[in-house]
Protein backbone atom coordinates (compact mmCIF):
# COMPACT_ATOMS: atom_id res chain seq x y z
CA UNK A 1 0.00 0.00 0.00
CA UNK A 2 1.40 3.38 -0.98
CA UNK A 3 2.12 5.92 1.73
CA UNK A 4 -0.50 8.61 2.01
CA UNK A 5 1.18 11.97 2.33
CA UNK A 6 1.48 15.30 0.60
CA UNK A 7 2.83 14.22 -2.79
CA UNK A 8 3.63 17.86 -3.65
CA UNK A 9 6.34 17.86 -1.01
CA UNK A 10 7.95 14.70 -2.41
CA UNK A 11 7.80 15.84 -6.04
CA UNK A 12 9.22 19.30 -5.29
CA UNK A 13 12.17 17.88 -3.37
CA UNK A 14 12.85 15.11 -5.90
CA UNK A 15 12.87 17.72 -8.67
CA UNK A 16 15.20 19.88 -6.58
CA UNK A 17 17.65 16.96 -6.27
CA UNK A 18 17.63 16.45 -10.06
CA UNK A 19 18.10 20.15 -10.77
CA UNK A 20 20.90 20.38 -8.20
CA UNK A 21 22.77 17.48 -9.82
CA UNK A 22 22.48 19.10 -13.26
CA UNK A 23 23.48 22.52 -11.95
CA UNK A 24 26.50 21.08 -10.15
CA UNK A 25 27.51 19.49 -13.45
CA UNK A 26 27.39 22.90 -15.18
CA UNK A 27 29.30 24.59 -12.37
CA UNK A 28 32.04 21.94 -12.63
CA UNK A 29 33.37 23.77 -15.71
CA UNK A 30 35.35 25.83 -13.19
CA UNK A 31 36.76 22.59 -11.75
CA UNK A 32 36.92 20.43 -14.87
CA UNK A 33 38.49 17.43 -13.10
CA UNK A 34 35.10 16.86 -11.41
CA UNK A 35 33.31 16.38 -14.75
CA UNK A 36 33.56 12.54 -15.12
CA UNK A 37 32.52 12.03 -11.50
CA UNK A 38 29.54 14.38 -11.77
CA UNK A 39 28.33 12.76 -15.00
CA UNK A 40 28.34 9.42 -13.22
CA UNK A 41 26.65 11.04 -10.22
CA UNK A 42 23.80 12.28 -12.41
CA UNK A 43 23.18 8.69 -13.53
CA UNK A 44 23.54 7.39 -9.96
CA UNK A 45 21.03 9.92 -8.61
CA UNK A 46 18.52 9.00 -11.31
CA UNK A 47 18.86 5.30 -10.47
CA UNK A 48 18.57 6.09 -6.76
CA UNK A 49 15.34 8.01 -7.41
CA UNK A 50 13.86 5.00 -9.22
CA UNK A 51 14.87 2.76 -6.32
CA UNK A 52 13.17 5.09 -3.82
CA UNK A 53 9.99 5.02 -5.87
CA UNK A 54 9.97 1.22 -5.80
CA UNK A 55 10.27 1.24 -2.03
CA UNK A 56 7.50 3.83 -1.81
CA UNK A 57 5.17 1.42 -3.59
CA UNK A 58 5.97 -1.04 -0.79
CA UNK A 59 4.97 1.64 1.74
CA UNK A 60 8.51 2.65 2.75
CA UNK A 61 9.42 6.33 2.53
CA UNK A 62 13.12 6.55 1.69
CA UNK A 63 14.68 10.04 1.77
CA UNK A 64 17.06 11.27 -0.94
CA UNK A 65 19.26 12.73 1.82
CA UNK A 66 20.56 11.02 4.96
CA UNK A 67 22.18 13.18 7.64
CA UNK A 68 24.56 11.14 9.77
CA UNK A 69 26.27 12.40 12.92
CA UNK A 70 29.51 10.43 13.06
CA UNK A 71 31.10 11.97 16.14
CA UNK A 72 30.32 13.88 19.33
CA UNK A 73 33.77 15.42 19.50
CA UNK A 74 34.46 18.97 18.41
CA UNK A 75 37.39 21.38 18.56
CA UNK A 76 35.09 24.35 19.25
CA UNK A 77 32.58 25.27 21.94
CA UNK A 78 29.98 27.34 20.07
CA UNK A 79 27.14 29.29 21.68
CA UNK A 80 23.86 27.38 21.19
CA UNK A 81 25.57 24.24 19.83
CA UNK A 82 22.91 21.59 19.05
CA UNK A 83 25.14 18.68 19.99
CA UNK A 84 26.22 20.04 23.38
CA UNK A 85 22.70 21.31 24.17
CA UNK A 86 21.47 17.73 23.90
CA UNK A 87 24.18 16.45 26.27
CA UNK A 88 25.49 13.85 23.85
CA UNK A 89 29.18 14.68 24.15
CA UNK A 90 29.94 11.70 26.41
CA UNK A 91 27.88 9.09 24.57
CA UNK A 92 29.57 6.19 22.80
CA UNK A 93 30.24 6.90 19.14
CA UNK A 94 29.63 4.65 16.16
CA UNK A 95 32.42 2.25 15.33
CA UNK A 96 33.88 2.41 11.83
CA UNK A 97 32.11 -0.84 10.93
CA UNK A 98 28.76 0.52 12.12
CA UNK A 99 29.12 3.61 9.96
CA UNK A 100 30.07 1.51 6.92
CA UNK A 101 27.03 -0.72 7.53
CA UNK A 102 24.69 2.31 7.67
CA UNK A 103 26.15 3.69 4.43
CA UNK A 104 25.79 0.29 2.76
CA UNK A 105 22.11 0.12 3.72
CA UNK A 106 21.52 3.73 2.65
CA UNK A 107 22.99 3.04 -0.80
CA UNK A 108 20.80 -0.05 -1.21
CA UNK A 109 17.66 1.91 -0.28
CA UNK A 110 18.42 4.84 -2.60
CA UNK A 111 19.74 7.48 -0.17
CA UNK A 112 22.87 8.49 -2.05
CA UNK A 113 23.38 12.01 -0.73
CA UNK A 114 24.87 11.92 2.75
CA UNK A 115 25.41 14.85 5.10
CA UNK A 116 28.23 14.00 7.51
CA UNK A 117 27.73 15.90 10.76
CA UNK A 118 29.20 16.07 14.25
CA UNK A 119 30.54 17.47 16.49
CA UNK A 120 33.26 18.08 13.94
CA UNK A 121 33.21 15.24 11.36
CA UNK A 122 36.84 15.80 10.35
CA UNK A 123 37.85 14.55 13.80
CA UNK A 124 37.23 11.12 12.25
CA UNK A 125 38.79 9.61 9.13
CA UNK A 126 36.01 10.54 6.71
CA UNK A 127 38.24 9.62 3.77
CA UNK A 128 38.71 6.06 4.99
CA UNK A 129 35.09 5.63 6.07
CA UNK A 130 33.73 6.65 2.66
CA UNK A 131 36.37 5.05 0.44
CA UNK A 132 34.00 2.26 -0.55
CA UNK A 133 31.17 4.62 -1.50
CA UNK A 134 32.48 6.74 -4.35
CA UNK A 135 29.18 6.38 -6.21
CA UNK A 136 27.58 8.60 -3.54
CA UNK A 137 27.98 12.27 -2.60
CA UNK A 138 29.05 13.26 0.90
CA UNK A 139 28.62 16.84 2.10
CA UNK A 140 30.89 17.30 5.11
CA UNK A 141 29.61 20.06 7.40
CA UNK A 142 32.80 21.32 9.03
CA UNK A 143 33.97 24.34 11.02
CA UNK A 144 37.01 24.22 8.67
CA UNK A 145 39.67 24.63 11.37
CA UNK A 146 41.08 21.14 10.72
CA UNK A 147 41.42 21.67 6.96
CA UNK A 148 45.14 21.95 6.24
CA UNK A 149 47.19 21.36 3.09
CA UNK A 150 47.18 17.58 3.64
CA UNK A 151 43.38 17.50 3.99
CA UNK A 152 43.02 19.64 0.86
CA UNK A 153 45.14 17.13 -1.10
CA UNK A 154 42.82 14.35 0.15
CA UNK A 155 39.74 16.29 -0.97
CA UNK A 156 41.40 16.66 -4.38
CA UNK A 157 41.66 12.85 -4.64
CA UNK A 158 38.21 12.10 -3.17
CA UNK A 159 35.80 14.02 -5.39
CA UNK A 160 32.76 12.42 -3.76
CA UNK A 161 33.50 14.43 -0.58
CA UNK A 162 32.39 18.07 -0.67
CA UNK A 163 33.45 20.32 2.24
CA UNK A 164 30.68 22.61 3.51
CA UNK A 165 32.10 25.35 5.76
CA UNK A 166 29.80 26.31 8.64
CA UNK A 167 29.62 29.98 9.61
CA UNK A 168 27.38 32.90 10.56
CA UNK A 169 28.92 35.79 8.64
CA UNK A 170 30.48 38.49 10.81
CA UNK A 171 28.69 36.98 13.84
CA UNK A 172 30.85 33.86 13.47
CA UNK A 173 33.45 34.99 15.99
CA UNK A 174 30.75 35.82 18.57
CA UNK A 175 29.35 32.29 18.44
CA UNK A 176 32.48 30.28 17.63
CA UNK A 177 35.46 32.22 18.96
CA UNK A 178 37.78 35.04 17.96
CA UNK A 179 39.51 34.55 14.62
CA UNK A 180 37.30 31.70 13.35
CA UNK A 181 35.72 33.79 10.58
CA UNK A 182 39.10 34.83 9.21
CA UNK A 183 40.24 31.20 9.34
CA UNK A 184 37.19 30.11 7.34
CA UNK A 185 37.92 32.74 4.70
CA UNK A 186 41.54 31.55 4.41
CA UNK A 187 40.42 27.93 4.02
CA UNK A 188 37.85 28.99 1.39
CA UNK A 189 40.62 30.74 -0.53
CA UNK A 190 42.82 27.64 -0.43
CA UNK A 191 39.96 25.39 -1.59
CA UNK A 192 39.20 27.81 -4.41
CA UNK A 193 42.83 27.87 -5.60
CA UNK A 194 42.91 24.06 -5.47
CA UNK A 195 39.75 24.01 -7.66
CA UNK A 196 37.83 22.01 -5.06
CA UNK A 197 34.05 22.33 -5.11
CA UNK A 198 32.92 23.57 -1.70
CA UNK A 199 30.01 25.34 -0.05
CA UNK A 200 28.88 27.34 2.95
CA UNK A 201 26.40 26.40 5.66
CA UNK A 202 24.93 29.53 7.20
CA UNK A 203 22.89 29.57 10.39
CA UNK A 204 20.61 32.61 10.27
CA UNK A 205 19.85 34.27 13.61
CA UNK A 206 18.10 37.44 14.74
CA UNK A 207 21.56 39.00 15.07
CA UNK A 208 23.06 38.21 11.65
CA UNK A 209 20.11 38.06 9.20
CA UNK A 210 20.87 41.49 7.73
CA UNK A 211 24.50 40.50 7.32
CA UNK A 212 24.05 37.14 5.53
CA UNK A 213 20.72 37.56 3.72
CA UNK A 214 21.81 40.22 1.25
CA UNK A 215 23.25 40.44 -2.27
CA UNK A 216 26.61 41.88 -1.25
CA UNK A 217 27.39 38.95 1.07
CA UNK A 218 26.30 36.30 -1.45
CA UNK A 219 28.26 37.84 -4.33
CA UNK A 220 31.36 38.12 -2.15
CA UNK A 221 31.14 34.44 -1.21
CA UNK A 222 30.58 33.41 -4.86
CA UNK A 223 33.62 35.41 -5.93
CA UNK A 224 35.63 33.49 -3.33
CA UNK A 225 34.73 30.24 -5.12
CA UNK A 226 31.74 29.07 -3.11
CA UNK A 227 29.35 27.01 -5.28
CA UNK A 228 26.83 25.89 -2.68
CA UNK A 229 24.78 27.81 -0.10
CA UNK A 230 22.92 26.07 2.70
CA UNK A 231 20.75 28.39 4.83
CA UNK A 232 19.24 27.26 8.16
CA UNK A 233 17.07 29.23 10.54
CA UNK A 234 18.42 29.07 14.07
CA UNK A 235 16.57 26.56 16.28
CA UNK A 236 16.82 27.25 20.06
CA UNK A 237 17.55 23.74 21.29
CA UNK A 238 19.40 25.57 24.05
CA UNK A 239 16.50 27.48 25.63
CA UNK A 240 18.94 30.14 26.87
CA UNK A 241 19.39 31.28 23.25
CA UNK A 242 15.76 32.10 22.41
CA UNK A 243 16.85 35.65 21.58
CA UNK A 244 18.69 34.28 18.52
CA UNK A 245 15.51 33.03 16.84
CA UNK A 246 14.03 35.10 14.00
CA UNK A 247 11.18 37.48 14.73
CA UNK A 248 8.03 37.30 12.62
CA UNK A 249 9.24 40.20 10.45
CA UNK A 250 12.70 38.67 10.09
CA UNK A 251 11.16 35.34 9.14
CA UNK A 252 9.27 37.04 6.29
CA UNK A 253 12.56 38.52 5.10
CA UNK A 254 14.19 35.07 5.32
CA UNK A 255 11.40 33.50 3.23
CA UNK A 256 11.59 36.23 0.60
CA UNK A 257 15.38 36.03 0.39
CA UNK A 258 15.55 32.24 0.13
CA UNK A 259 12.68 32.07 -2.38
CA UNK A 260 14.41 34.56 -4.67
CA UNK A 261 17.88 33.03 -4.36
CA UNK A 262 17.52 30.46 -7.14
CA UNK A 263 16.47 33.11 -9.66
CA UNK A 264 19.25 35.56 -8.82
CA UNK A 265 22.41 33.47 -8.44
CA UNK A 266 24.10 30.77 -10.46
CA UNK A 267 24.88 28.68 -7.39
CA UNK A 268 23.40 25.66 -5.70
CA UNK A 269 21.04 26.48 -2.86
CA UNK A 270 19.43 24.52 -0.04
CA UNK A 271 17.08 25.75 2.64
CA UNK A 272 15.35 22.70 4.19
CA UNK A 273 13.68 24.99 6.73
CA UNK A 274 11.76 26.76 3.97
CA UNK A 275 8.59 24.76 4.61
CA UNK A 276 6.27 27.31 3.04
CA UNK A 277 7.85 26.83 -0.37
CA UNK A 278 7.78 23.04 -0.16
CA UNK A 279 4.26 22.86 1.24
CA UNK A 280 5.32 21.00 4.33
CA UNK A 281 8.18 19.74 6.49
CA UNK A 282 10.88 17.86 4.56
CA UNK A 283 11.84 15.73 7.56
CA UNK A 284 10.74 12.22 8.57
CA UNK A 285 11.82 10.69 5.28
CA UNK A 286 10.17 12.89 2.67
CA UNK A 287 13.41 14.76 2.00
CA UNK A 288 15.79 13.98 4.83
CA UNK A 289 16.24 11.96 8.02
CA UNK A 290 18.93 12.19 10.67
CA UNK A 291 20.78 9.44 12.50
CA UNK A 292 22.19 10.93 15.67
CA UNK A 293 25.41 9.81 17.31
CA UNK A 294 23.43 7.39 19.52
CA UNK A 295 22.02 5.60 16.48
CA UNK A 296 18.52 7.02 16.92
CA UNK A 297 16.65 7.93 13.74
CA UNK A 298 15.25 11.47 13.92
CA UNK A 299 13.02 13.49 11.59
CA UNK A 300 15.87 15.96 10.98
CA UNK A 301 19.04 17.19 12.76
CA UNK A 302 17.00 19.85 14.59
CA UNK A 303 14.29 17.54 15.93
CA UNK A 304 15.84 15.33 18.66
CA UNK A 305 12.91 12.91 18.96
CA UNK A 306 12.94 9.26 18.02
CA UNK A 307 11.18 5.96 18.59
CA UNK A 308 13.65 3.70 16.72
CA UNK A 309 17.39 3.07 16.54
CA UNK A 310 19.63 1.61 13.86
CA UNK A 311 21.62 0.06 16.70
CA UNK A 312 18.98 -2.66 17.04
CA UNK A 313 17.31 -2.80 13.62
CA UNK A 314 18.07 -2.18 9.97
CA UNK A 315 17.75 1.27 8.43
CA UNK A 316 14.92 -0.06 6.27
CA UNK A 317 12.99 -1.14 9.36
CA UNK A 318 13.76 2.12 11.18
CA UNK A 319 12.35 4.21 8.30
CA UNK A 320 8.95 2.63 9.01
CA UNK A 321 8.90 4.42 12.37
CA UNK A 322 5.43 5.14 13.77
CA UNK A 323 6.64 8.58 14.86
CA UNK A 324 7.69 9.36 11.27
CA UNK A 325 4.29 8.20 10.02
CA UNK A 326 2.63 10.64 12.41
CA UNK A 327 4.92 13.49 11.35
CA UNK A 328 4.17 12.87 7.67
CA UNK A 329 0.44 12.61 8.28
CA UNK A 330 0.38 15.97 10.05
CA UNK A 331 3.18 17.72 8.15
CA UNK A 332 0.93 20.33 6.55
CA UNK A 333 -0.60 21.28 9.91
CA UNK A 334 2.89 21.78 11.32
CA UNK A 335 3.58 24.80 9.08
CA UNK A 336 0.32 26.66 9.62
CA UNK A 337 -0.37 29.58 11.97
CA UNK A 338 2.43 31.98 10.98
CA UNK A 339 5.34 29.60 11.43
CA UNK A 340 8.55 31.34 12.48
CA UNK A 341 10.37 28.27 13.78
CA UNK A 342 9.57 24.56 13.66
CA UNK A 343 6.31 23.77 15.45
CA UNK A 344 8.17 21.25 17.62
CA UNK A 345 9.93 24.18 19.28
CA UNK A 346 7.21 26.81 19.05
CA UNK A 347 4.31 24.86 20.53
CA UNK A 348 4.57 22.75 23.70
CA UNK A 349 1.71 20.53 22.50
CA UNK A 350 3.70 19.59 19.41
CA UNK A 351 6.84 19.04 21.48
CA UNK A 352 4.91 16.77 23.86
CA UNK A 353 3.48 14.85 20.89
CA UNK A 354 6.96 14.31 19.46
CA UNK A 355 8.27 13.06 22.81
CA UNK A 356 5.34 10.72 23.48
CA UNK A 357 4.28 9.87 19.90
CA UNK A 358 0.76 10.89 20.91
CA UNK A 359 -0.85 13.25 18.38
CA UNK A 360 -4.42 12.95 19.64
CA UNK A 361 -4.41 16.64 20.59
CA UNK A 362 -4.75 17.41 16.88
CA UNK A 363 -7.80 15.20 16.59
CA UNK A 364 -9.34 16.94 19.61
CA UNK A 365 -8.65 20.37 18.12
CA UNK A 366 -10.10 19.29 14.77
CA UNK A 367 -13.23 17.95 16.49
CA UNK A 368 -13.66 21.20 18.47
CA UNK A 369 -13.19 23.34 15.34
CA UNK A 370 -15.80 21.27 13.48
CA UNK A 371 -18.37 21.81 16.24
CA UNK A 372 -17.73 25.58 16.26
CA UNK A 373 -18.11 25.76 12.48
CA UNK A 374 -21.46 23.93 12.65
CA UNK A 375 -22.69 26.38 15.28
């Protein structure tokens, strides 16, 4: 039986994956040595899409993108860090064999775009861990401080690994430490000179939105060689940082900026938090899922709720999570009522539902609304 969900969400994201692969192929003219790999990748992504559709017919929602946190360790101590806010720093990490097993299952299912997260993923041997998966693309979200000349040479030989440098514009030093922003710019310059395809991951807060959501900033980053922009609205997992979340007015600006990006710039762009454009949340398997460093399968990296773990079942089994089914069933409702941040953080009823897997409050609200309409 086919999964019942908002097909518009799936189609939009699948189309975005196809367009991104084609656009990356065009951009590779600047780094011509990527061309053979990216041609093969285009074929691989098409085959992966067909495989996902076959699983969907079986009732299994397989995401195009798998986010995998491979370490708790980090060389920075950033304000509002998601990993540290969830107190996972001392938990046991995946073994190398466990990571390879997850990647093997992901490839079989049709998830061939992998986001490697941490902590700081370069604190592990990402080159060794992914050496058997060169038919996949790995975006490594890194603070860049561990990227030296030796690492750059390894990126040059491993074209399936794309470094994504995390930053917050001029606010970077406030959140990450003095001198980090300058270090990122130096690394970006080295990657550009080495003709390595790389991108930026930008967390947008109430403090830096004017700095990073403007034409001057984007053009400057493109001129430095950046080919990929990933914009995320700040999520206050650390409740002490609520002041960093976007206001309603700032959220409107964020939506307008991200919606216009694709038409204005010849660069790849990703904003998974732009639910309004996609008609619903992209988490819980429709576009992305996250495996945290404990092995728990979560709707996305910013939603630390789970009812299954790949530590005691296969990834295929875990994707059939009852919690994910509930998220997908109610995904359109989650973005209503002037969303400024994810409903799981904005509304305590949603947060309670995610923790308990009990969404009956929605049925009660629907029943009450129906009675009022009849009256």
